[in-house]
PDB file of N, CA and C in Angstrom:
ATOM      1  N   MET A   1     -56.552  16.488 -33.866  1.00  0.00           N
ATOM      2  CA  MET A   1     -56.778  15.422 -32.898  1.00  0.00           C
ATOM      3  C   MET A   1     -55.945  15.723 -31.653  1.00  0.00           C
ATOM      4  N   ASN A   2     -56.615  15.794 -30.496  1.00  0.00           N
ATOM      5  CA  ASN A   2     -55.869  16.065 -29.266  1.00  0.00           C
ATOM      6  C   ASN A   2     -55.289  14.767 -28.690  1.00  0.00           C
ATOM      7  N   PHE A   3     -54.498  14.881 -27.640  1.00  0.00           N
ATOM      8  CA  PHE A   3     -53.790  13.727 -27.082  1.00  0.00           C
ATOM      9  C   PHE A   3     -54.756  12.665 -26.558  1.00  0.00           C
ATOM     10  N   ALA A   4     -55.815  13.079 -25.853  1.00  0.00           N
ATOM     11  CA  ALA A   4     -56.789  12.117 -25.316  1.00  0.00           C
ATOM     12  C   ALA A   4     -57.432  11.303 -26.434  1.00  0.00           C
ATOM     13  N   GLU A   5     -57.742  11.944 -27.544  1.00  0.00           N
ATOM     14  CA  GLU A   5     -58.314  11.222 -28.688  1.00  0.00           C
ATOM     15  C   GLU A   5     -57.275  10.301 -29.333  1.00  0.00           C
ATOM     16  N   ALA A   6     -56.046  10.735 -29.379  1.00  0.00           N
ATOM     17  CA  ALA A   6     -54.994   9.953 -30.018  1.00  0.00           C
ATOM     18  C   ALA A   6     -54.679   8.657 -29.271  1.00  0.00           C
ATOM     19  N   VAL A   7     -54.859   8.644 -27.962  1.00  0.00           N
ATOM     20  CA  VAL A   7     -54.552   7.430 -27.184  1.00  0.00           C
ATOM     21  C   VAL A   7     -55.807   6.639 -26.815  1.00  0.00           C
ATOM     22  N   ALA A   8     -56.975   7.065 -27.276  1.00  0.00           N
ATOM     23  CA  ALA A   8     -58.232   6.374 -26.962  1.00  0.00           C
ATOM     24  C   ALA A   8     -58.479   5.269 -27.987  1.00  0.00           C
ATOM     25  N   TRP A   9     -57.713   4.208 -27.900  1.00  0.00           N
ATOM     26  CA  TRP A   9     -57.861   3.094 -28.824  1.00  0.00           C
ATOM     27  C   TRP A   9     -59.028   2.219 -28.391  1.00  0.00           C
ATOM     28  N   ALA A  10     -59.671   1.591 -29.339  1.00  0.00           N
ATOM     29  CA  ALA A  10     -60.876   0.793 -29.073  1.00  0.00           C
ATOM     30  C   ALA A  10     -60.517  -0.614 -28.615  1.00  0.00           C
ATOM     31  N   PRO A  11     -61.238  -1.140 -27.621  1.00  0.00           N
ATOM     32  CA  PRO A  11     -61.038  -2.540 -27.234  1.00  0.00           C
ATOM     33  C   PRO A  11     -61.365  -3.451 -28.417  1.00  0.00           C
ATOM     34  N   ALA A  12     -60.564  -4.487 -28.597  1.00  0.00           N
ATOM     35  CA  ALA A  12     -60.751  -5.435 -29.704  1.00  0.00           C
ATOM     36  C   ALA A  12     -60.791  -6.861 -29.169  1.00  0.00           C
ATOM     37  N   GLY A  13     -61.289  -7.033 -27.960  1.00  0.00           N
ATOM     38  CA  GLY A  13     -61.333  -8.348 -27.321  1.00  0.00           C
ATOM     39  C   GLY A  13     -60.604  -8.294 -26.000  1.00  0.00           C
ATOM     40  N   PRO A  14     -60.614  -9.387 -25.254  1.00  0.00           N
ATOM     41  CA  PRO A  14     -59.936  -9.411 -23.952  1.00  0.00           C
ATOM     42  C   PRO A  14     -58.434  -9.122 -24.085  1.00  0.00           C
ATOM     43  N   GLY A  15     -57.978  -8.059 -23.445  1.00  0.00           N
ATOM     44  CA  GLY A  15     -56.561  -7.703 -23.473  1.00  0.00           C
ATOM     45  C   GLY A  15     -56.069  -7.198 -24.815  1.00  0.00           C
ATOM     46  N   ARG A  16     -56.967  -6.832 -25.706  1.00  0.00           N
ATOM     47  CA  ARG A  16     -56.576  -6.363 -27.049  1.00  0.00           C
ATOM     48  C   ARG A  16     -57.187  -4.990 -27.334  1.00  0.00           C
ATOM     49  N   TRP A  17     -56.444  -4.191 -28.087  1.00  0.00           N
ATOM     50  CA  TRP A  17     -56.886  -2.866 -28.506  1.00  0.00           C
ATOM     51  C   TRP A  17     -56.523  -2.661 -29.965  1.00  0.00           C
ATOM     52  N   ARG A  18     -57.271  -1.805 -30.615  1.00  0.00           N
ATOM     53  CA  ARG A  18     -57.015  -1.485 -32.010  1.00  0.00           C
ATOM     54  C   ARG A  18     -57.102   0.022 -32.167  1.00  0.00           C
ATOM     55  N   GLY A  19     -56.170   0.585 -32.928  1.00  0.00           N
ATOM     56  CA  GLY A  19     -56.174   2.023 -33.123  1.00  0.00           C
ATOM     57  C   GLY A  19     -55.362   2.432 -34.332  1.00  0.00           C
ATOM     58  N   HIS A  20     -55.326   3.724 -34.537  1.00  0.00           N
ATOM     59  CA  HIS A  20     -54.625   4.291 -35.683  1.00  0.00           C
ATOM     60  C   HIS A  20     -53.800   5.473 -35.205  1.00  0.00           C
ATOM     61  N   ILE A  21     -52.585   5.552 -35.668  1.00  0.00           N
ATOM     62  CA  ILE A  21     -51.727   6.692 -35.336  1.00  0.00           C
ATOM     63  C   ILE A  21     -51.946   7.753 -36.403  1.00  0.00           C
ATOM     64  N   ASP A  22     -52.582   8.828 -35.994  1.00  0.00           N
ATOM     65  CA  ASP A  22     -52.895   9.920 -36.899  1.00  0.00           C
ATOM     66  C   ASP A  22     -51.605  10.580 -37.383  1.00  0.00           C
ATOM     67  N   PRO A  23     -51.521  10.939 -38.668  1.00  0.00           N
ATOM     68  CA  PRO A  23     -50.306  11.569 -39.199  1.00  0.00           C
ATOM     69  C   PRO A  23     -49.884  12.853 -38.478  1.00  0.00           C
ATOM     70  N   THR A  24     -50.832  13.534 -37.814  1.00  0.00           N
ATOM     71  CA  THR A  24     -50.460  14.762 -37.098  1.00  0.00           C
ATOM     72  C   THR A  24     -49.589  14.467 -35.882  1.00  0.00           C
ATOM     73  N   TRP A  25     -49.515  13.202 -35.466  1.00  0.00           N
ATOM     74  CA  TRP A  25     -48.692  12.816 -34.321  1.00  0.00           C
ATOM     75  C   TRP A  25     -47.351  12.220 -34.743  1.00  0.00           C
ATOM     76  N   MET A  26     -46.976  12.418 -36.002  1.00  0.00           N
ATOM     77  CA  MET A  26     -45.719  11.864 -36.500  1.00  0.00           C
ATOM     78  C   MET A  26     -44.553  12.814 -36.234  1.00  0.00           C
ATOM     79  N   GLN A  27     -43.416  12.202 -36.001  1.00  0.00           N
ATOM     80  CA  GLN A  27     -42.164  12.931 -35.819  1.00  0.00           C
ATOM     81  C   GLN A  27     -41.128  12.197 -36.655  1.00  0.00           C
ATOM     82  N   GLY A  28     -40.779  12.739 -37.783  1.00  0.00           N
ATOM     83  CA  GLY A  28     -39.852  12.024 -38.658  1.00  0.00           C
ATOM     84  C   GLY A  28     -40.540  10.807 -39.261  1.00  0.00           C
ATOM     85  N   ARG A  29     -39.953   9.619 -39.073  1.00  0.00           N
ATOM     86  CA  ARG A  29     -40.491   8.392 -39.677  1.00  0.00           C
ATOM     87  C   ARG A  29     -41.630   7.760 -38.889  1.00  0.00           C
ATOM     88  N   GLY A  30     -41.778   8.098 -37.614  1.00  0.00           N
ATOM     89  CA  GLY A  30     -42.786   7.430 -36.787  1.00  0.00           C
ATOM     90  C   GLY A  30     -43.457   8.382 -35.825  1.00  0.00           C
ATOM     91  N   ALA A  31     -44.326   7.803 -35.010  1.00  0.00           N
ATOM     92  CA  ALA A  31     -45.081   8.605 -34.042  1.00  0.00           C
ATOM     93  C   ALA A  31     -44.184   9.065 -32.893  1.00  0.00           C
ATOM     94  N   PHE A  32     -44.600  10.148 -32.237  1.00  0.00           N
ATOM     95  CA  PHE A  32     -43.930  10.571 -31.020  1.00  0.00           C
ATOM     96  C   PHE A  32     -43.932   9.399 -30.040  1.00  0.00           C
ATOM     97  N   GLU A  33     -42.797   9.106 -29.457  1.00  0.00           N
ATOM     98  CA  GLU A  33     -42.687   7.954 -28.558  1.00  0.00           C
ATOM     99  C   GLU A  33     -43.616   8.080 -27.349  1.00  0.00           C
ATOM    100  N   GLY A  34     -43.863   9.311 -26.891  1.00  0.00           N
ATOM    101  CA  GLY A  34     -44.765   9.508 -25.768  1.00  0.00           C
ATOM    102  C   GLY A  34     -46.177   9.037 -26.073  1.00  0.00           C
ATOM    103  N   LEU A  35     -46.599   9.180 -27.325  1.00  0.00           N
ATOM    104  CA  LEU A  35     -47.918   8.717 -27.737  1.00  0.00           C
ATOM    105  C   LEU A  35     -47.992   7.192 -27.650  1.00  0.00           C
ATOM    106  N   VAL A  36     -47.005   6.515 -28.188  1.00  0.00           N
ATOM    107  CA  VAL A  36     -46.976   5.052 -28.148  1.00  0.00           C
ATOM    108  C   VAL A  36     -46.866   4.565 -26.707  1.00  0.00           C
ATOM    109  N   GLY A  37     -46.026   5.211 -25.909  1.00  0.00           N
ATOM    110  CA  GLY A  37     -45.899   4.849 -24.500  1.00  0.00           C
ATOM    111  C   GLY A  37     -47.206   5.019 -23.749  1.00  0.00           C
ATOM    112  N   ALA A  38     -47.962   6.078 -24.066  1.00  0.00           N
ATOM    113  CA  ALA A  38     -49.246   6.315 -23.408  1.00  0.00           C
ATOM    114  C   ALA A  38     -50.256   5.231 -23.764  1.00  0.00           C
ATOM    115  N   VAL A  39     -50.259   4.781 -25.008  1.00  0.00           N
ATOM    116  CA  VAL A  39     -51.158   3.691 -25.415  1.00  0.00           C
ATOM    117  C   VAL A  39     -50.796   2.415 -24.658  1.00  0.00           C
ATOM    118  N   ILE A  40     -49.510   2.124 -24.540  1.00  0.00           N
ATOM    119  CA  ILE A  40     -49.053   0.933 -23.807  1.00  0.00           C
ATOM    120  C   ILE A  40     -49.442   1.043 -22.339  1.00  0.00           C
ATOM    121  N   LEU A  41     -49.195   2.180 -21.740  1.00  0.00           N
ATOM    122  CA  LEU A  41     -49.520   2.378 -20.322  1.00  0.00           C
ATOM    123  C   LEU A  41     -51.022   2.252 -20.073  1.00  0.00           C
ATOM    124  N   ARG A  42     -51.814   2.808 -20.955  1.00  0.00           N
ATOM    125  CA  ARG A  42     -53.273   2.713 -20.806  1.00  0.00           C
ATOM    126  C   ARG A  42     -53.727   1.255 -20.868  1.00  0.00           C
ATOM    127  N   ALA A  43     -53.183   0.490 -21.804  1.00  0.00           N
ATOM    128  CA  ALA A  43     -53.540  -0.931 -21.913  1.00  0.00           C
ATOM    129  C   ALA A  43     -53.108  -1.701 -20.670  1.00  0.00           C
ATOM    130  N   MET A  44     -51.897  -1.464 -20.207  1.00  0.00           N
ATOM    131  CA  MET A  44     -51.394  -2.176 -19.030  1.00  0.00           C
ATOM    132  C   MET A  44     -52.186  -1.818 -17.780  1.00  0.00           C
ATOM    133  N   SER A  45     -52.616  -0.582 -17.670  1.00  0.00           N
ATOM    134  CA  SER A  45     -53.313  -0.159 -16.450  1.00  0.00           C
ATOM    135  C   SER A  45     -54.698  -0.788 -16.330  1.00  0.00           C
ATOM    136  N   THR A  46     -55.230  -1.357 -17.402  1.00  0.00           N
ATOM    137  CA  THR A  46     -56.512  -2.053 -17.307  1.00  0.00           C
ATOM    138  C   THR A  46     -56.367  -3.420 -16.651  1.00  0.00           C
ATOM    139  N   LEU A  47     -55.137  -3.905 -16.520  1.00  0.00           N
ATOM    140  CA  LEU A  47     -54.910  -5.237 -15.967  1.00  0.00           C
ATOM    141  C   LEU A  47     -54.503  -5.237 -14.500  1.00  0.00           C
ATOM    142  N   VAL A  48     -54.232  -4.090 -13.937  1.00  0.00           N
ATOM    143  CA  VAL A  48     -53.777  -4.027 -12.552  1.00  0.00           C
ATOM    144  C   VAL A  48     -54.736  -3.181 -11.725  1.00  0.00           C
ATOM    145  N   ASP A  49     -54.755  -3.427 -10.433  1.00  0.00           N
ATOM    146  CA  ASP A  49     -55.680  -2.702  -9.569  1.00  0.00           C
ATOM    147  C   ASP A  49     -55.016  -1.533  -8.847  1.00  0.00           C
ATOM    148  N   ARG A  50     -53.843  -1.132  -9.311  1.00  0.00           N
ATOM    149  CA  ARG A  50     -53.153   0.025  -8.723  1.00  0.00           C
ATOM    150  C   ARG A  50     -52.358   0.726  -9.835  1.00  0.00           C
ATOM    151  N   PRO A  51     -52.018   1.986  -9.654  1.00  0.00           N
ATOM    152  CA  PRO A  51     -51.258   2.689 -10.691  1.00  0.00           C
ATOM    153  C   PRO A  51     -49.864   2.085 -10.862  1.00  0.00           C
ATOM    154  N   PRO A  52     -49.394   1.963 -12.098  1.00  0.00           N
ATOM    155  CA  PRO A  52     -48.030   1.471 -12.330  1.00  0.00           C
ATOM    156  C   PRO A  52     -47.002   2.423 -11.716  1.00  0.00           C
ATOM    157  N   ARG A  53     -45.914   1.880 -11.238  1.00  0.00           N
ATOM    158  CA  ARG A  53     -44.834   2.709 -10.674  1.00  0.00           C
ATOM    159  C   ARG A  53     -43.895   3.212 -11.752  1.00  0.00           C
ATOM    160  N   THR A  54     -43.587   2.350 -12.713  1.00  0.00           N
ATOM    161  CA  THR A  54     -42.653   2.731 -13.774  1.00  0.00           C
ATOM    162  C   THR A  54     -43.097   2.110 -15.092  1.00  0.00           C
ATOM    163  N   LEU A  55     -42.548   2.631 -16.165  1.00  0.00           N
ATOM    164  CA  LEU A  55     -42.784   2.074 -17.497  1.00  0.00           C
ATOM    165  C   LEU A  55     -41.494   2.246 -18.282  1.00  0.00           C
ATOM    166  N   THR A  56     -40.984   1.160 -18.810  1.00  0.00           N
ATOM    167  CA  THR A  56     -39.810   1.201 -19.670  1.00  0.00           C
ATOM    168  C   THR A  56     -40.229   0.679 -21.036  1.00  0.00           C
ATOM    169  N   VAL A  57     -39.967   1.455 -22.062  1.00  0.00           N
ATOM    170  CA  VAL A  57     -40.343   1.070 -23.418  1.00  0.00           C
ATOM    171  C   VAL A  57     -39.104   1.151 -24.295  1.00  0.00           C
ATOM    172  N   HIS A  58     -38.879   0.110 -25.086  1.00  0.00           N
ATOM    173  CA  HIS A  58     -37.779   0.101 -26.052  1.00  0.00           C
ATOM    174  C   HIS A  58     -38.390   0.156 -27.444  1.00  0.00           C
ATOM    175  N   PHE A  59     -38.065   1.172 -28.202  1.00  0.00           N
ATOM    176  CA  PHE A  59     -38.604   1.344 -29.546  1.00  0.00           C
ATOM    177  C   PHE A  59     -37.603   0.794 -30.553  1.00  0.00           C
ATOM    178  N   CYS A  60     -38.045  -0.188 -31.329  1.00  0.00           N
ATOM    179  CA  CYS A  60     -37.129  -0.814 -32.291  1.00  0.00           C
ATOM    180  C   CYS A  60     -37.436  -0.394 -33.728  1.00  0.00           C
ATOM    181  N   GLY A  61     -38.465   0.407 -33.922  1.00  0.00           N
ATOM    182  CA  GLY A  61     -38.797   0.876 -35.258  1.00  0.00           C
ATOM    183  C   GLY A  61     -39.918   1.884 -35.187  1.00  0.00           C
ATOM    184  N   PRO A  62     -40.183   2.558 -36.295  1.00  0.00           N
ATOM    185  CA  PRO A  62     -41.220   3.587 -36.287  1.00  0.00           C
ATOM    186  C   PRO A  62     -42.617   2.986 -36.193  1.00  0.00           C
ATOM    187  N   ALA A  63     -43.484   3.632 -35.438  1.00  0.00           N
ATOM    188  CA  ALA A  63     -44.889   3.247 -35.336  1.00  0.00           C
ATOM    189  C   ALA A  63     -45.691   4.173 -36.230  1.00  0.00           C
ATOM    190  N   THR A  64     -46.360   3.615 -37.217  1.00  0.00           N
ATOM    191  CA  THR A  64     -47.167   4.400 -38.143  1.00  0.00           C
ATOM    192  C   THR A  64     -48.444   3.642 -38.483  1.00  0.00           C
ATOM    193  N   GLY A  65     -49.477   4.357 -38.919  1.00  0.00           N
ATOM    194  CA  GLY A  65     -50.685   3.732 -39.429  1.00  0.00           C
ATOM    195  C   GLY A  65     -51.525   3.022 -38.388  1.00  0.00           C
ATOM    196  N   SER A  66     -52.211   1.970 -38.824  1.00  0.00           N
ATOM    197  CA  SER A  66     -53.116   1.206 -37.962  1.00  0.00           C
ATOM    198  C   SER A  66     -52.359   0.108 -37.219  1.00  0.00           C
ATOM    199  N   TRP A  67     -52.792  -0.095 -35.966  1.00  0.00           N
ATOM    200  CA  TRP A  67     -52.143  -1.095 -35.107  1.00  0.00           C
ATOM    201  C   TRP A  67     -53.188  -1.855 -34.317  1.00  0.00           C
ATOM    202  N   SER A  68     -52.833  -3.063 -33.939  1.00  0.00           N
ATOM    203  CA  SER A  68     -53.590  -3.773 -32.913  1.00  0.00           C
ATOM    204  C   SER A  68     -52.601  -4.075 -31.801  1.00  0.00           C
ATOM    205  N   TRP A  69     -53.077  -4.069 -30.585  1.00  0.00           N
ATOM    206  CA  TRP A  69     -52.197  -4.205 -29.436  1.00  0.00           C
ATOM    207  C   TRP A  69     -52.757  -5.233 -28.478  1.00  0.00           C
ATOM    208  N   ARG A  70     -51.880  -6.071 -27.917  1.00  0.00           N
ATOM    209  CA  ARG A  70     -52.263  -7.108 -26.966  1.00  0.00           C
ATOM    210  C   ARG A  70     -51.536  -6.853 -25.668  1.00  0.00           C
ATOM    211  N   CYS A  71     -52.224  -6.987 -24.562  1.00  0.00           N
ATOM    212  CA  CYS A  71     -51.625  -6.798 -23.256  1.00  0.00           C
ATOM    213  C   CYS A  71     -51.999  -8.003 -22.399  1.00  0.00           C
ATOM    214  N   ARG A  72     -51.003  -8.649 -21.789  1.00  0.00           N
ATOM    215  CA  ARG A  72     -51.271  -9.836 -20.970  1.00  0.00           C
ATOM    216  C   ARG A  72     -50.292  -9.898 -19.819  1.00  0.00           C
ATOM    217  N   TRP A  73     -50.609 -10.748 -18.840  1.00  0.00           N
ATOM    218  CA  TRP A  73     -49.685 -10.966 -17.733  1.00  0.00           C
ATOM    219  C   TRP A  73     -48.502 -11.759 -18.229  1.00  0.00           C
ATOM    220  N   ARG A  74     -47.318 -11.343 -17.868  1.00  0.00           N
ATOM    221  CA  ARG A  74     -46.113 -12.066 -18.274  1.00  0.00           C
ATOM    222  C   ARG A  74     -45.576 -12.902 -17.116  1.00  0.00           C
ATOM    223  N   ARG A  75     -45.572 -12.343 -15.929  1.00  0.00           N
ATOM    224  CA  ARG A  75     -45.111 -13.063 -14.736  1.00  0.00           C
ATOM    225  C   ARG A  75     -46.267 -13.101 -13.752  1.00  0.00           C
ATOM    226  N   TRP A  76     -46.958 -14.202 -13.689  1.00  0.00           N
ATOM    227  CA  TRP A  76     -48.142 -14.307 -12.845  1.00  0.00           C
ATOM    228  C   TRP A  76     -47.835 -14.138 -11.371  1.00  0.00           C
ATOM    229  N   ALA A  77     -46.758 -14.739 -10.892  1.00  0.00           N
ATOM    230  CA  ALA A  77     -46.452 -14.678  -9.460  1.00  0.00           C
ATOM    231  C   ALA A  77     -46.181 -13.252  -9.015  1.00  0.00           C
ATOM    232  N   ALA A  78     -45.481 -12.497  -9.845  1.00  0.00           N
ATOM    233  CA  ALA A  78     -45.128 -11.125  -9.500  1.00  0.00           C
ATOM    234  C   ALA A  78     -46.240 -10.133  -9.855  1.00  0.00           C
ATOM    235  N   ARG A  79     -47.240 -10.576 -10.604  1.00  0.00           N
ATOM    236  CA  ARG A  79     -48.364  -9.730 -11.014  1.00  0.00           C
ATOM    237  C   ARG A  79     -47.925  -8.522 -11.849  1.00  0.00           C
ATOM    238  N   TRP A  80     -47.013  -8.741 -12.780  1.00  0.00           N
ATOM    239  CA  TRP A  80     -46.542  -7.674 -13.643  1.00  0.00           C
ATOM    240  C   TRP A  80     -47.074  -7.937 -15.061  1.00  0.00           C
ATOM    241  N   PRO A  81     -47.774  -6.988 -15.670  1.00  0.00           N
ATOM    242  CA  PRO A  81     -48.246  -7.197 -17.036  1.00  0.00           C
ATOM    243  C   PRO A  81     -47.175  -6.851 -18.064  1.00  0.00           C
ATOM    244  N   SER A  82     -47.326  -7.409 -19.236  1.00  0.00           N
ATOM    245  CA  SER A  82     -46.453  -7.022 -20.348  1.00  0.00           C
ATOM    246  C   SER A  82     -47.344  -6.698 -21.535  1.00  0.00           C
ATOM    247  N   SER A  83     -46.807  -6.005 -22.481  1.00  0.00           N
ATOM    248  CA  SER A  83     -47.583  -5.572 -23.618  1.00  0.00           C
ATOM    249  C   SER A  83     -46.797  -5.812 -24.875  1.00  0.00           C
ATOM    250  N   ALA A  84     -47.501  -6.119 -25.983  1.00  0.00           N
ATOM    251  CA  ALA A  84     -46.819  -6.385 -27.250  1.00  0.00           C
ATOM    252  C   ALA A  84     -47.760  -6.096 -28.400  1.00  0.00           C
ATOM    253  N   PRO A  85     -47.206  -5.723 -29.568  1.00  0.00           N
ATOM    254  CA  PRO A  85     -48.058  -5.540 -30.723  1.00  0.00           C
ATOM    255  C   PRO A  85     -48.733  -6.859 -31.063  1.00  0.00           C
ATOM    256  N   GLY A  86     -49.948  -6.770 -31.547  1.00  0.00           N
ATOM    257  CA  GLY A  86     -50.455  -8.011 -31.941  1.00  0.00           C
ATOM    258  C   GLY A  86     -51.816  -8.302 -32.163  1.00  0.00           C
TER     259      GLY A  86
END
């Protein structure tokens, strides 16, 4: 599975995505952080009309297996999206 396939998660409703982290993308206990960051960035970029300037991700545990992801606006006035598992 190449990188484009690994981050091509399926839409699961408005602001939601569903996907699976293939075992070939594992590093130790969880997925490569760049893979998870790319999925988050892809979801967030669907909510804005310009490319994001920065992305900060804090990993609190290993990402493995199947996931669903939700992306929504967190601060409406500033027009900044946030993303969370869910």
